[in-house]
C-alpha atoms as a PDB file:
ATOM      1  CA  UNK A   1     -11.854 -33.494  10.027  1.00  0.00           C
ATOM      2  CA  UNK A   2      -9.645 -31.307  12.195  1.00  0.00           C
ATOM      3  CA  UNK A   3      -8.538 -32.597  15.549  1.00  0.00           C
ATOM      4  CA  UNK A   4      -9.129 -30.512  18.624  1.00  0.00           C
ATOM      5  CA  UNK A   5      -6.098 -28.901  20.211  1.00  0.00           C
ATOM      6  CA  UNK A   6      -6.104 -28.070  23.858  1.00  0.00           C
ATOM      7  CA  UNK A   7      -5.414 -24.437  24.799  1.00  0.00           C
ATOM      8  CA  UNK A   8      -1.903 -25.165  26.103  1.00  0.00           C
ATOM      9  CA  UNK A   9      -0.871 -26.828  22.824  1.00  0.00           C
ATOM     10  CA  UNK A  10      -2.406 -23.954  20.875  1.00  0.00           C
ATOM     11  CA  UNK A  11      -0.407 -21.368  22.838  1.00  0.00           C
ATOM     12  CA  UNK A  12       2.776 -23.391  22.338  1.00  0.00           C
ATOM     13  CA  UNK A  13       2.125 -23.578  18.588  1.00  0.00           C
ATOM     14  CA  UNK A  14       1.448 -19.847  18.398  1.00  0.00           C
ATOM     15  CA  UNK A  15       4.677 -19.057  20.271  1.00  0.00           C
ATOM     16  CA  UNK A  16       6.571 -21.381  17.966  1.00  0.00           C
ATOM     17  CA  UNK A  17       5.185 -19.669  14.861  1.00  0.00           C
ATOM     18  CA  UNK A  18       5.782 -16.161  16.241  1.00  0.00           C
ATOM     19  CA  UNK A  19       9.407 -17.030  16.920  1.00  0.00           C
ATOM     20  CA  UNK A  20       9.840 -17.730  13.183  1.00  0.00           C
ATOM     21  CA  UNK A  21       8.878 -14.157  12.236  1.00  0.00           C
ATOM     22  CA  UNK A  22      11.731 -12.022  10.920  1.00  0.00           C
ATOM     23  CA  UNK A  23      10.976  -8.461  11.967  1.00  0.00           C
ATOM     24  CA  UNK A  24      12.303  -5.599   9.798  1.00  0.00           C
ATOM     25  CA  UNK A  25      15.003  -3.345  11.163  1.00  0.00           C
ATOM     26  CA  UNK A  26      14.328   0.303  11.943  1.00  0.00           C
ATOM     27  CA  UNK A  27      16.316   1.259   8.819  1.00  0.00           C
ATOM     28  CA  UNK A  28      14.205  -1.038   6.609  1.00  0.00           C
ATOM     29  CA  UNK A  29      10.995   0.416   8.030  1.00  0.00           C
ATOM     30  CA  UNK A  30      12.212   3.980   7.443  1.00  0.00           C
ATOM     31  CA  UNK A  31      13.300   3.221   3.864  1.00  0.00           C
ATOM     32  CA  UNK A  32      10.052   1.519   2.920  1.00  0.00           C
ATOM     33  CA  UNK A  33       8.026   4.328   4.551  1.00  0.00           C
ATOM     34  CA  UNK A  34       9.950   6.944   2.573  1.00  0.00           C
ATOM     35  CA  UNK A  35       9.458   4.936  -0.624  1.00  0.00           C
ATOM     36  CA  UNK A  36       5.701   4.770   0.004  1.00  0.00           C
ATOM     37  CA  UNK A  37       5.547   8.552   0.430  1.00  0.00           C
ATOM     38  CA  UNK A  38       7.609   9.095  -2.737  1.00  0.00           C
ATOM     39  CA  UNK A  39       5.404   6.739  -4.768  1.00  0.00           C
ATOM     40  CA  UNK A  40       2.245   8.396  -3.404  1.00  0.00           C
ATOM     41  CA  UNK A  41       3.593  11.824  -4.412  1.00  0.00           C
ATOM     42  CA  UNK A  42       4.516  10.601  -7.908  1.00  0.00           C
ATOM     43  CA  UNK A  43       1.064   9.050  -8.303  1.00  0.00           C
ATOM     44  CA  UNK A  44      -0.633  12.266  -7.127  1.00  0.00           C
ATOM     45  CA  UNK A  45       1.357  14.352  -9.625  1.00  0.00           C
ATOM     46  CA  UNK A  46       0.590  11.884 -12.422  1.00  0.00           C
ATOM     47  CA  UNK A  47      -3.166  11.951 -11.801  1.00  0.00           C
ATOM     48  CA  UNK A  48      -3.109  15.743 -11.404  1.00  0.00           C
ATOM     49  CA  UNK A  49      -1.485  16.071 -14.827  1.00  0.00           C
ATOM     50  CA  UNK A  50      -3.881  13.580 -16.425  1.00  0.00           C
ATOM     51  CA  UNK A  51      -6.825  15.446 -14.910  1.00  0.00           C
ATOM     52  CA  UNK A  52      -5.433  18.767 -16.144  1.00  0.00           C
ATOM     53  CA  UNK A  53      -4.972  17.420 -19.683  1.00  0.00           C
ATOM     54  CA  UNK A  54      -8.521  16.023 -19.751  1.00  0.00           C
ATOM     55  CA  UNK A  55      -9.907  19.312 -18.403  1.00  0.00           C
ATOM     56  CA  UNK A  56      -8.069  21.384 -21.006  1.00  0.00           C
ATOM     57  CA  UNK A  57      -9.140  18.994 -23.751  1.00  0.00           C
ATOM     58  CA  UNK A  58     -12.789  19.185 -22.764  1.00  0.00           C
ATOM     59  CA  UNK A  59     -12.659  22.968 -22.419  1.00  0.00           C
ATOM     60  CA  UNK A  60     -11.100  23.213 -25.886  1.00  0.00           C
ATOM     61  CA  UNK A  61     -13.747  20.918 -27.317  1.00  0.00           C
ATOM     62  CA  UNK A  62     -16.588  22.867 -25.697  1.00  0.00           C
ATOM     63  CA  UNK A  63     -15.131  26.194 -26.881  1.00  0.00           C
ATOM     64  CA  UNK A  64     -14.879  24.770 -30.402  1.00  0.00           C
ATOM     65  CA  UNK A  65     -18.489  23.509 -30.400  1.00  0.00           C
ATOM     66  CA  UNK A  66     -20.274  26.349 -28.737  1.00  0.00           C
END
């Protein structure tokens, strides 16, 4: 069973935990943001090409059948 913590102890514990956080630098944030945009663009191109190939395949199949 968990013990109750008074509000002052809770705030002290929260401050202690927050002080342990290592925040990224501006450069790290910019690099990871750019990488996310690059990966999203690559993924969009990939799915566009897959969709195009499926579309052409189905059109070819439908032209062949009827």
